[in-house]
PDB file of N, CA and C in Angstrom:
ATOM      1  N   MET A   1      14.314 -12.784  -1.008  1.00  0.00           N
ATOM      2  CA  MET A   1      14.416 -12.136   0.291  1.00  0.00           C
ATOM      3  C   MET A   1      13.116 -12.333   1.064  1.00  0.00           C
ATOM      4  N   LEU A   2      13.258 -12.613   2.320  1.00  0.00           N
ATOM      5  CA  LEU A   2      12.101 -12.760   3.190  1.00  0.00           C
ATOM      6  C   LEU A   2      12.082 -11.622   4.194  1.00  0.00           C
ATOM      7  N   PHE A   3      10.930 -11.027   4.355  1.00  0.00           N
ATOM      8  CA  PHE A   3      10.759  -9.930   5.292  1.00  0.00           C
ATOM      9  C   PHE A   3       9.639 -10.275   6.261  1.00  0.00           C
ATOM     10  N   THR A   4       9.716  -9.718   7.452  1.00  0.00           N
ATOM     11  CA  THR A   4       8.593  -9.854   8.381  1.00  0.00           C
ATOM     12  C   THR A   4       7.583  -8.758   8.072  1.00  0.00           C
ATOM     13  N   THR A   5       6.378  -8.916   8.580  1.00  0.00           N
ATOM     14  CA  THR A   5       5.368  -7.880   8.364  1.00  0.00           C
ATOM     15  C   THR A   5       5.795  -6.564   8.996  1.00  0.00           C
ATOM     16  N   GLU A   6       6.481  -6.655  10.123  1.00  0.00           N
ATOM     17  CA  GLU A   6       6.952  -5.433  10.788  1.00  0.00           C
ATOM     18  C   GLU A   6       7.994  -4.717   9.946  1.00  0.00           C
ATOM     19  N   GLU A   7       8.890  -5.476   9.306  1.00  0.00           N
ATOM     20  CA  GLU A   7       9.913  -4.861   8.461  1.00  0.00           C
ATOM     21  C   GLU A   7       9.284  -4.177   7.245  1.00  0.00           C
ATOM     22  N   VAL A   8       8.299  -4.819   6.662  1.00  0.00           N
ATOM     23  CA  VAL A   8       7.616  -4.215   5.510  1.00  0.00           C
ATOM     24  C   VAL A   8       6.897  -2.944   5.942  1.00  0.00           C
ATOM     25  N   ALA A   9       6.200  -2.985   7.081  1.00  0.00           N
ATOM     26  CA  ALA A   9       5.478  -1.810   7.585  1.00  0.00           C
ATOM     27  C   ALA A   9       6.443  -0.667   7.881  1.00  0.00           C
ATOM     28  N   GLN A  10       7.571  -0.970   8.514  1.00  0.00           N
ATOM     29  CA  GLN A  10       8.564   0.066   8.811  1.00  0.00           C
ATOM     30  C   GLN A  10       9.142   0.650   7.524  1.00  0.00           C
ATOM     31  N   GLY A  11       9.355  -0.196   6.526  1.00  0.00           N
ATOM     32  CA  GLY A  11       9.853   0.290   5.235  1.00  0.00           C
ATOM     33  C   GLY A  11       8.864   1.223   4.562  1.00  0.00           C
ATOM     34  N   LEU A  12       7.579   0.859   4.594  1.00  0.00           N
ATOM     35  CA  LEU A  12       6.541   1.734   4.037  1.00  0.00           C
ATOM     36  C   LEU A  12       6.527   3.081   4.760  1.00  0.00           C
ATOM     37  N   ALA A  13       6.598   3.021   6.075  1.00  0.00           N
ATOM     38  CA  ALA A  13       6.573   4.252   6.873  1.00  0.00           C
ATOM     39  C   ALA A  13       7.781   5.130   6.561  1.00  0.00           C
ATOM     40  N   ALA A  14       8.948   4.515   6.437  1.00  0.00           N
ATOM     41  CA  ALA A  14      10.161   5.279   6.147  1.00  0.00           C
ATOM     42  C   ALA A  14      10.086   5.933   4.772  1.00  0.00           C
ATOM     43  N   ARG A  15       9.592   5.179   3.779  1.00  0.00           N
ATOM     44  CA  ARG A  15       9.473   5.750   2.435  1.00  0.00           C
ATOM     45  C   ARG A  15       8.428   6.858   2.389  1.00  0.00           C
ATOM     46  N   MET A  16       7.342   6.687   3.124  1.00  0.00           N
ATOM     47  CA  MET A  16       6.328   7.742   3.181  1.00  0.00           C
ATOM     48  C   MET A  16       6.917   9.002   3.819  1.00  0.00           C
ATOM     49  N   LYS A  17       7.677   8.824   4.881  1.00  0.00           N
ATOM     50  CA  LYS A  17       8.300   9.974   5.549  1.00  0.00           C
ATOM     51  C   LYS A  17       9.271  10.678   4.595  1.00  0.00           C
ATOM     52  N   GLN A  18      10.047   9.907   3.822  1.00  0.00           N
ATOM     53  CA  GLN A  18      10.968  10.503   2.857  1.00  0.00           C
ATOM     54  C   GLN A  18      10.221  11.340   1.825  1.00  0.00           C
ATOM     55  N   LEU A  19       9.086  10.821   1.341  1.00  0.00           N
ATOM     56  CA  LEU A  19       8.288  11.587   0.379  1.00  0.00           C
ATOM     57  C   LEU A  19       7.752  12.869   1.013  1.00  0.00           C
ATOM     58  N   ARG A  20       7.297  12.753   2.260  1.00  0.00           N
ATOM     59  CA  ARG A  20       6.776  13.929   2.968  1.00  0.00           C
ATOM     60  C   ARG A  20       7.863  14.982   3.108  1.00  0.00           C
ATOM     61  N   LEU A  21       9.042  14.560   3.525  1.00  0.00           N
ATOM     62  CA  LEU A  21      10.143  15.506   3.724  1.00  0.00           C
ATOM     63  C   LEU A  21      10.658  16.077   2.399  1.00  0.00           C
ATOM     64  N   ALA A  22      10.618  15.276   1.334  1.00  0.00           N
ATOM     65  CA  ALA A  22      11.035  15.764   0.020  1.00  0.00           C
ATOM     66  C   ALA A  22      10.126  16.887  -0.464  1.00  0.00           C
ATOM     67  N   ARG A  23       8.880  16.847  -0.029  1.00  0.00           N
ATOM     68  CA  ARG A  23       7.930  17.913  -0.372  1.00  0.00           C
ATOM     69  C   ARG A  23       7.995  19.069   0.629  1.00  0.00           C
ATOM     70  N   ASP A  24       8.834  18.898   1.636  1.00  0.00           N
ATOM     71  CA  ASP A  24       9.005  19.900   2.688  1.00  0.00           C
ATOM     72  C   ASP A  24       7.697  20.152   3.438  1.00  0.00           C
ATOM     73  N   TRP A  25       6.959  19.064   3.691  1.00  0.00           N
ATOM     74  CA  TRP A  25       5.699  19.136   4.419  1.00  0.00           C
ATOM     75  C   TRP A  25       5.901  18.712   5.860  1.00  0.00           C
ATOM     76  N   LYS A  26       5.244  19.413   6.748  1.00  0.00           N
ATOM     77  CA  LYS A  26       5.178  18.984   8.141  1.00  0.00           C
ATOM     78  C   LYS A  26       4.177  17.842   8.229  1.00  0.00           C
ATOM     79  N   ARG A  27       4.217  17.122   9.342  1.00  0.00           N
ATOM     80  CA  ARG A  27       3.230  16.061   9.556  1.00  0.00           C
ATOM     81  C   ARG A  27       1.813  16.619   9.494  1.00  0.00           C
ATOM     82  N   ASP A  28       1.637  17.799  10.079  1.00  0.00           N
ATOM     83  CA  ASP A  28       0.314  18.431  10.073  1.00  0.00           C
ATOM     84  C   ASP A  28      -0.176  18.702   8.656  1.00  0.00           C
ATOM     85  N   THR A  29       0.739  19.115   7.783  1.00  0.00           N
ATOM     86  CA  THR A  29       0.376  19.409   6.404  1.00  0.00           C
ATOM     87  C   THR A  29      -0.099  18.146   5.692  1.00  0.00           C
ATOM     88  N   LEU A  30       0.675  17.067   5.828  1.00  0.00           N
ATOM     89  CA  LEU A  30       0.290  15.805   5.203  1.00  0.00           C
ATOM     90  C   LEU A  30      -1.023  15.294   5.782  1.00  0.00           C
ATOM     91  N   ALA A  31      -1.162  15.374   7.094  1.00  0.00           N
ATOM     92  CA  ALA A  31      -2.390  14.899   7.740  1.00  0.00           C
ATOM     93  C   ALA A  31      -3.603  15.666   7.227  1.00  0.00           C
ATOM     94  N   GLU A  32      -3.468  16.965   7.102  1.00  0.00           N
ATOM     95  CA  GLU A  32      -4.582  17.786   6.610  1.00  0.00           C
ATOM     96  C   GLU A  32      -4.934  17.430   5.173  1.00  0.00           C
ATOM     97  N   ARG A  33      -3.918  17.262   4.340  1.00  0.00           N
ATOM     98  CA  ARG A  33      -4.165  16.932   2.933  1.00  0.00           C
ATOM     99  C   ARG A  33      -4.762  15.535   2.783  1.00  0.00           C
ATOM    100  N   ALA A  34      -4.430  14.637   3.710  1.00  0.00           N
ATOM    101  CA  ALA A  34      -4.950  13.271   3.655  1.00  0.00           C
ATOM    102  C   ALA A  34      -6.287  13.128   4.374  1.00  0.00           C
ATOM    103  N   GLY A  35      -6.636  14.111   5.192  1.00  0.00           N
ATOM    104  CA  GLY A  35      -7.892  14.040   5.935  1.00  0.00           C
ATOM    105  C   GLY A  35      -7.826  13.106   7.133  1.00  0.00           C
ATOM    106  N   ILE A  36      -6.648  13.009   7.731  1.00  0.00           N
ATOM    107  CA  ILE A  36      -6.476  12.187   8.924  1.00  0.00           C
ATOM    108  C   ILE A  36      -5.788  13.027   9.990  1.00  0.00           C
ATOM    109  N   SER A  37      -5.652  12.483  11.195  1.00  0.00           N
ATOM    110  CA  SER A  37      -5.030  13.253  12.273  1.00  0.00           C
ATOM    111  C   SER A  37      -3.505  13.202  12.177  1.00  0.00           C
ATOM    112  N   ALA A  38      -2.869  14.249  12.680  1.00  0.00           N
ATOM    113  CA  ALA A  38      -1.414  14.304  12.698  1.00  0.00           C
ATOM    114  C   ALA A  38      -0.840  13.207  13.590  1.00  0.00           C
ATOM    115  N   SER A  39      -1.574  12.838  14.644  1.00  0.00           N
ATOM    116  CA  SER A  39      -1.093  11.768  15.517  1.00  0.00           C
ATOM    117  C   SER A  39      -1.065  10.429  14.789  1.00  0.00           C
ATOM    118  N   THR A  40      -1.963  10.230  13.833  1.00  0.00           N
ATOM    119  CA  THR A  40      -1.947   9.003  13.026  1.00  0.00           C
ATOM    120  C   THR A  40      -0.696   8.960  12.162  1.00  0.00           C
ATOM    121  N   VAL A  41      -0.343  10.089  11.571  1.00  0.00           N
ATOM    122  CA  VAL A  41       0.873  10.174  10.758  1.00  0.00           C
ATOM    123  C   VAL A  41       2.092   9.921  11.641  1.00  0.00           C
ATOM    124  N   LYS A  42       2.127  10.544  12.811  1.00  0.00           N
ATOM    125  CA  LYS A  42       3.252  10.379  13.726  1.00  0.00           C
ATOM    126  C   LYS A  42       3.408   8.917  14.155  1.00  0.00           C
ATOM    127  N   ARG A  43       2.289   8.273  14.498  1.00  0.00           N
ATOM    128  CA  ARG A  43       2.336   6.868  14.919  1.00  0.00           C
ATOM    129  C   ARG A  43       2.820   5.984  13.774  1.00  0.00           C
ATOM    130  N   PHE A  44       2.336   6.243  12.564  1.00  0.00           N
ATOM    131  CA  PHE A  44       2.765   5.451  11.418  1.00  0.00           C
ATOM    132  C   PHE A  44       4.256   5.591  11.187  1.00  0.00           C
ATOM    133  N   GLU A  45       4.767   6.809  11.228  1.00  0.00           N
ATOM    134  CA  GLU A  45       6.202   7.013  11.020  1.00  0.00           C
ATOM    135  C   GLU A  45       7.037   6.347  12.112  1.00  0.00           C
ATOM    136  N   ALA A  46       6.518   6.303  13.325  1.00  0.00           N
ATOM    137  CA  ALA A  46       7.285   5.742  14.444  1.00  0.00           C
ATOM    138  C   ALA A  46       7.188   4.224  14.527  1.00  0.00           C
ATOM    139  N   THR A  47       6.007   3.675  14.219  1.00  0.00           N
ATOM    140  CA  THR A  47       5.795   2.244  14.461  1.00  0.00           C
ATOM    141  C   THR A  47       5.499   1.440  13.206  1.00  0.00           C
ATOM    142  N   GLY A  48       5.078   2.103  12.150  1.00  0.00           N
ATOM    143  CA  GLY A  48       4.665   1.389  10.945  1.00  0.00           C
ATOM    144  C   GLY A  48       3.232   0.902  11.016  1.00  0.00           C
ATOM    145  N   GLN A  49       2.526   1.218  12.099  1.00  0.00           N
ATOM    146  CA  GLN A  49       1.148   0.755  12.264  1.00  0.00           C
ATOM    147  C   GLN A  49       0.170   1.828  11.804  1.00  0.00           C
ATOM    148  N   ILE A  50      -0.783   1.374  10.958  1.00  0.00           N
ATOM    149  CA  ILE A  50      -1.790   2.288  10.433  1.00  0.00           C
ATOM    150  C   ILE A  50      -2.925   1.454   9.847  1.00  0.00           C
ATOM    151  N   ALA A  51      -4.126   1.981   9.891  1.00  0.00           N
ATOM    152  CA  ALA A  51      -5.265   1.318   9.272  1.00  0.00           C
ATOM    153  C   ALA A  51      -5.141   1.448   7.750  1.00  0.00           C
ATOM    154  N   LEU A  52      -5.627   0.447   7.043  1.00  0.00           N
ATOM    155  CA  LEU A  52      -5.509   0.443   5.586  1.00  0.00           C
ATOM    156  C   LEU A  52      -6.140   1.674   4.956  1.00  0.00           C
ATOM    157  N   ASP A  53      -7.323   2.070   5.405  1.00  0.00           N
ATOM    158  CA  ASP A  53      -7.964   3.241   4.798  1.00  0.00           C
ATOM    159  C   ASP A  53      -7.126   4.498   5.001  1.00  0.00           C
ATOM    160  N   ASN A  54      -6.483   4.636   6.145  1.00  0.00           N
ATOM    161  CA  ASN A  54      -5.615   5.799   6.376  1.00  0.00           C
ATOM    162  C   ASN A  54      -4.344   5.727   5.536  1.00  0.00           C
ATOM    163  N   LEU A  55      -3.802   4.527   5.344  1.00  0.00           N
ATOM    164  CA  LEU A  55      -2.633   4.368   4.482  1.00  0.00           C
ATOM    165  C   LEU A  55      -2.970   4.775   3.052  1.00  0.00           C
ATOM    166  N   LEU A  56      -4.131   4.378   2.585  1.00  0.00           N
ATOM    167  CA  LEU A  56      -4.545   4.747   1.233  1.00  0.00           C
ATOM    168  C   LEU A  56      -4.774   6.252   1.109  1.00  0.00           C
ATOM    169  N   LYS A  57      -5.282   6.875   2.155  1.00  0.00           N
ATOM    170  CA  LYS A  57      -5.460   8.336   2.144  1.00  0.00           C
ATOM    171  C   LYS A  57      -4.102   9.042   2.069  1.00  0.00           C
ATOM    172  N   LEU A  58      -3.119   8.524   2.808  1.00  0.00           N
ATOM    173  CA  LEU A  58      -1.771   9.097   2.732  1.00  0.00           C
ATOM    174  C   LEU A  58      -1.196   8.927   1.334  1.00  0.00           C
ATOM    175  N   ALA A  59      -1.377   7.746   0.759  1.00  0.00           N
ATOM    176  CA  ALA A  59      -0.872   7.487  -0.591  1.00  0.00           C
ATOM    177  C   ALA A  59      -1.508   8.429  -1.602  1.00  0.00           C
ATOM    178  N   LEU A  60      -2.809   8.670  -1.467  1.00  0.00           N
ATOM    179  CA  LEU A  60      -3.495   9.601  -2.363  1.00  0.00           C
ATOM    180  C   LEU A  60      -2.930  11.013  -2.215  1.00  0.00           C
ATOM    181  N   ALA A  61      -2.736  11.457  -0.984  1.00  0.00           N
ATOM    182  CA  ALA A  61      -2.213  12.803  -0.742  1.00  0.00           C
ATOM    183  C   ALA A  61      -0.795  12.967  -1.299  1.00  0.00           C
ATOM    184  N   LEU A  62      -0.026  11.872  -1.315  1.00  0.00           N
ATOM    185  CA  LEU A  62       1.345  11.922  -1.813  1.00  0.00           C
ATOM    186  C   LEU A  62       1.457  11.553  -3.293  1.00  0.00           C
ATOM    187  N   GLY A  63       0.318  11.253  -3.933  1.00  0.00           N
ATOM    188  CA  GLY A  63       0.329  10.928  -5.356  1.00  0.00           C
ATOM    189  C   GLY A  63       0.829   9.524  -5.657  1.00  0.00           C
ATOM    190  N   CYS A  64       0.653   8.599  -4.735  1.00  0.00           N
ATOM    191  CA  CYS A  64       1.165   7.234  -4.895  1.00  0.00           C
ATOM    192  C   CYS A  64       0.073   6.170  -4.873  1.00  0.00           C
ATOM    193  N   LEU A  65      -1.169   6.561  -4.920  1.00  0.00           N
ATOM    194  CA  LEU A  65      -2.259   5.606  -4.771  1.00  0.00           C
ATOM    195  C   LEU A  65      -2.247   4.527  -5.849  1.00  0.00           C
ATOM    196  N   GLU A  66      -1.876   4.891  -7.072  1.00  0.00           N
ATOM    197  CA  GLU A  66      -1.899   3.922  -8.168  1.00  0.00           C
ATOM    198  C   GLU A  66      -0.939   2.752  -7.930  1.00  0.00           C
ATOM    199  N   GLN A  67       0.059   2.920  -7.084  1.00  0.00           N
ATOM    200  CA  GLN A  67       1.003   1.842  -6.806  1.00  0.00           C
ATOM    201  C   GLN A  67       0.351   0.692  -6.039  1.00  0.00           C
ATOM    202  N   PHE A  68      -0.772   0.948  -5.384  1.00  0.00           N
ATOM    203  CA  PHE A  68      -1.470  -0.096  -4.644  1.00  0.00           C
ATOM    204  C   PHE A  68      -2.292  -0.995  -5.565  1.00  0.00           C
ATOM    205  N   GLU A  69      -2.503  -0.588  -6.800  1.00  0.00           N
ATOM    206  CA  GLU A  69      -3.295  -1.372  -7.743  1.00  0.00           C
ATOM    207  C   GLU A  69      -2.691  -2.746  -8.003  1.00  0.00           C
ATOM    208  N   SER A  70      -1.385  -2.867  -7.917  1.00  0.00           N
ATOM    209  CA  SER A  70      -0.723  -4.125  -8.272  1.00  0.00           C
ATOM    210  C   SER A  70      -0.408  -5.013  -7.072  1.00  0.00           C
ATOM    211  N   VAL A  71      -0.852  -4.658  -5.882  1.00  0.00           N
ATOM    212  CA  VAL A  71      -0.478  -5.406  -4.684  1.00  0.00           C
ATOM    213  C   VAL A  71      -0.898  -6.869  -4.747  1.00  0.00           C
ATOM    214  N   PHE A  72      -2.115  -7.174  -5.103  1.00  0.00           N
ATOM    215  CA  PHE A  72      -2.588  -8.553  -5.159  1.00  0.00           C
ATOM    216  C   PHE A  72      -2.859  -9.010  -6.585  1.00  0.00           C
ATOM    217  N   ALA A  73      -2.178  -8.415  -7.544  1.00  0.00           N
ATOM    218  CA  ALA A  73      -2.357  -8.793  -8.939  1.00  0.00           C
ATOM    219  C   ALA A  73      -1.805 -10.204  -9.160  1.00  0.00           C
ATOM    220  N   PRO A  74      -2.438 -10.968 -10.034  1.00  0.00           N
ATOM    221  CA  PRO A  74      -1.918 -12.313 -10.305  1.00  0.00           C
ATOM    222  C   PRO A  74      -0.564 -12.222 -10.996  1.00  0.00           C
ATOM    223  N   PRO A  75       0.270 -13.215 -10.779  1.00  0.00           N
ATOM    224  CA  PRO A  75       1.576 -13.182 -11.448  1.00  0.00           C
ATOM    225  C   PRO A  75       1.395 -13.309 -12.959  1.00  0.00           C
ATOM    226  N   PRO A  76       2.344 -12.839 -13.731  1.00  0.00           N
ATOM    227  CA  PRO A  76       2.216 -12.945 -15.177  1.00  0.00           C
ATOM    228  C   PRO A  76       2.176 -14.414 -15.607  1.00  0.00           C
ATOM    229  N   ALA A  77       1.440 -14.693 -16.663  1.00  0.00           N
ATOM    230  CA  ALA A  77       1.357 -16.055 -17.187  1.00  0.00           C
ATOM    231  C   ALA A  77       2.719 -16.456 -17.745  1.00  0.00           C
ATOM    232  N   ARG A  78       3.082 -17.701 -17.489  1.00  0.00           N
ATOM    233  CA  ARG A  78       4.380 -18.199 -17.984  1.00  0.00           C
ATOM    234  C   ARG A  78       4.252 -18.874 -19.338  1.00  0.00           C
ATOM    235  N   THR A  79       3.043 -19.337 -19.663  1.00  0.00           N
ATOM    236  CA  THR A  79       2.825 -20.003 -20.945  1.00  0.00           C
ATOM    237  C   THR A  79       1.539 -19.482 -21.571  1.00  0.00           C
ATOM    238  N   LEU A  80       1.387 -19.751 -22.849  1.00  0.00           N
ATOM    239  CA  LEU A  80       0.170 -19.365 -23.543  1.00  0.00           C
ATOM    240  C   LEU A  80      -1.025 -20.138 -23.000  1.00  0.00           C
ATOM    241  N   ALA A  81      -0.822 -21.409 -22.681  1.00  0.00           N
ATOM    242  CA  ALA A  81      -1.900 -22.237 -22.130  1.00  0.00           C
ATOM    243  C   ALA A  81      -2.383 -21.677 -20.790  1.00  0.00           C
ATOM    244  N   GLU A  82      -1.475 -21.233 -19.961  1.00  0.00           N
ATOM    245  CA  GLU A  82      -1.847 -20.642 -18.672  1.00  0.00           C
ATOM    246  C   GLU A  82      -2.648 -19.357 -18.875  1.00  0.00           C
ATOM    247  N   LEU A  83      -2.265 -18.573 -19.838  1.00  0.00           N
ATOM    248  CA  LEU A  83      -2.980 -17.341 -20.147  1.00  0.00           C
ATOM    249  C   LEU A  83      -4.387 -17.643 -20.657  1.00  0.00           C
ATOM    250  N   GLU A  84      -4.511 -18.639 -21.526  1.00  0.00           N
ATOM    251  CA  GLU A  84      -5.827 -19.021 -22.046  1.00  0.00           C
ATOM    252  C   GLU A  84      -6.708 -19.569 -20.933  1.00  0.00           C
ATOM    253  N   GLN A  85      -6.129 -20.326 -20.024  1.00  0.00           N
ATOM    254  CA  GLN A  85      -6.891 -20.913 -18.922  1.00  0.00           C
ATOM    255  C   GLN A  85      -7.476 -19.827 -18.020  1.00  0.00           C
ATOM    256  N   ARG A  86      -6.766 -18.747 -17.837  1.00  0.00           N
ATOM    257  CA  ARG A  86      -7.258 -17.645 -16.994  1.00  0.00           C
ATOM    258  C   ARG A  86      -8.517 -17.020 -17.574  1.00  0.00           C
ATOM    259  N   GLY A  87      -8.636 -17.019 -18.881  1.00  0.00           N
ATOM    260  CA  GLY A  87      -9.784 -16.407 -19.524  1.00  0.00           C
ATOM    261  C   GLY A  87     -10.997 -17.308 -19.599  1.00  0.00           C
ATOM    262  N   GLN A  88     -10.862 -18.549 -19.206  1.00  0.00           N
ATOM    263  CA  GLN A  88     -11.969 -19.498 -19.289  1.00  0.00           C
ATOM    264  C   GLN A  88     -12.587 -19.728 -17.922  1.00  0.00           C
ATOM    265  N   GLY A  89     -13.856 -20.084 -17.941  1.00  0.00           N
ATOM    266  CA  GLY A  89     -14.530 -20.504 -16.724  1.00  0.00           C
ATOM    267  C   GLY A  89     -14.842 -19.366 -15.778  1.00  0.00           C
ATOM    268  N   PRO A  90     -15.717 -19.655 -14.816  1.00  0.00           N
ATOM    269  CA  PRO A  90     -16.100 -18.628 -13.839  1.00  0.00           C
ATOM    270  C   PRO A  90     -14.982 -18.371 -12.824  1.00  0.00           C
ATOM    271  N   VAL A  91     -15.000 -17.205 -12.263  1.00  0.00           N
ATOM    272  CA  VAL A  91     -14.034 -16.845 -11.222  1.00  0.00           C
ATOM    273  C   VAL A  91     -14.539 -17.404  -9.896  1.00  0.00           C
ATOM    274  N   ARG A  92     -13.678 -18.075  -9.175  1.00  0.00           N
ATOM    275  CA  ARG A  92     -14.072 -18.671  -7.901  1.00  0.00           C
ATOM    276  C   ARG A  92     -14.472 -17.586  -6.908  1.00  0.00           C
ATOM    277  N   GLN A  93     -15.536 -17.870  -6.163  1.00  0.00           N
ATOM    278  CA  GLN A  93     -16.012 -16.951  -5.148  1.00  0.00           C
ATOM    279  C   GLN A  93     -15.567 -17.376  -3.755  1.00  0.00           C
ATOM    280  N   ARG A  94     -15.239 -18.661  -3.601  1.00  0.00           N
ATOM    281  CA  ARG A  94     -14.799 -19.182  -2.306  1.00  0.00           C
ATOM    282  C   ARG A  94     -13.672 -20.165  -2.526  1.00  0.00           C
ATOM    283  N   GLY A  95     -12.866 -20.312  -1.494  1.00  0.00           N
ATOM    284  CA  GLY A  95     -11.789 -21.281  -1.547  1.00  0.00           C
ATOM    285  C   GLY A  95     -12.270 -22.659  -1.100  1.00  0.00           C
ATOM    286  N   ARG A  96     -11.486 -23.643  -1.461  1.00  0.00           N
ATOM    287  CA  ARG A  96     -11.787 -24.994  -1.005  1.00  0.00           C
ATOM    288  C   ARG A  96     -11.234 -25.174   0.397  1.00  0.00           C
ATOM    289  N   ARG A  97     -11.743 -26.154   1.079  1.00  0.00           N
ATOM    290  CA  ARG A  97     -11.270 -26.405   2.441  1.00  0.00           C
ATOM    291  C   ARG A  97      -9.916 -26.917   2.424  1.00  0.00           C
TER     292      ARG A  97
END
């Protein structure tokens, strides 16, 4: 399945709103617990737009922060040789042109 960035953002916002409502929290309650403004929560729910640090604060307040740990994790190794190769050599600091 292919999604646009807007679709993914809207999906995140919708799921966050569902969690908020499942806890029977007002936007103000979530905003206070996350340490952000209620207008930021409202904008996120309406548009899916939010700064990363504010998204992480919302995730922490809702008990979902650990789910972000796997966002850019490398895919699982398919072979033993691939797994061994990952453990060898220095980690690249820059990409090639």
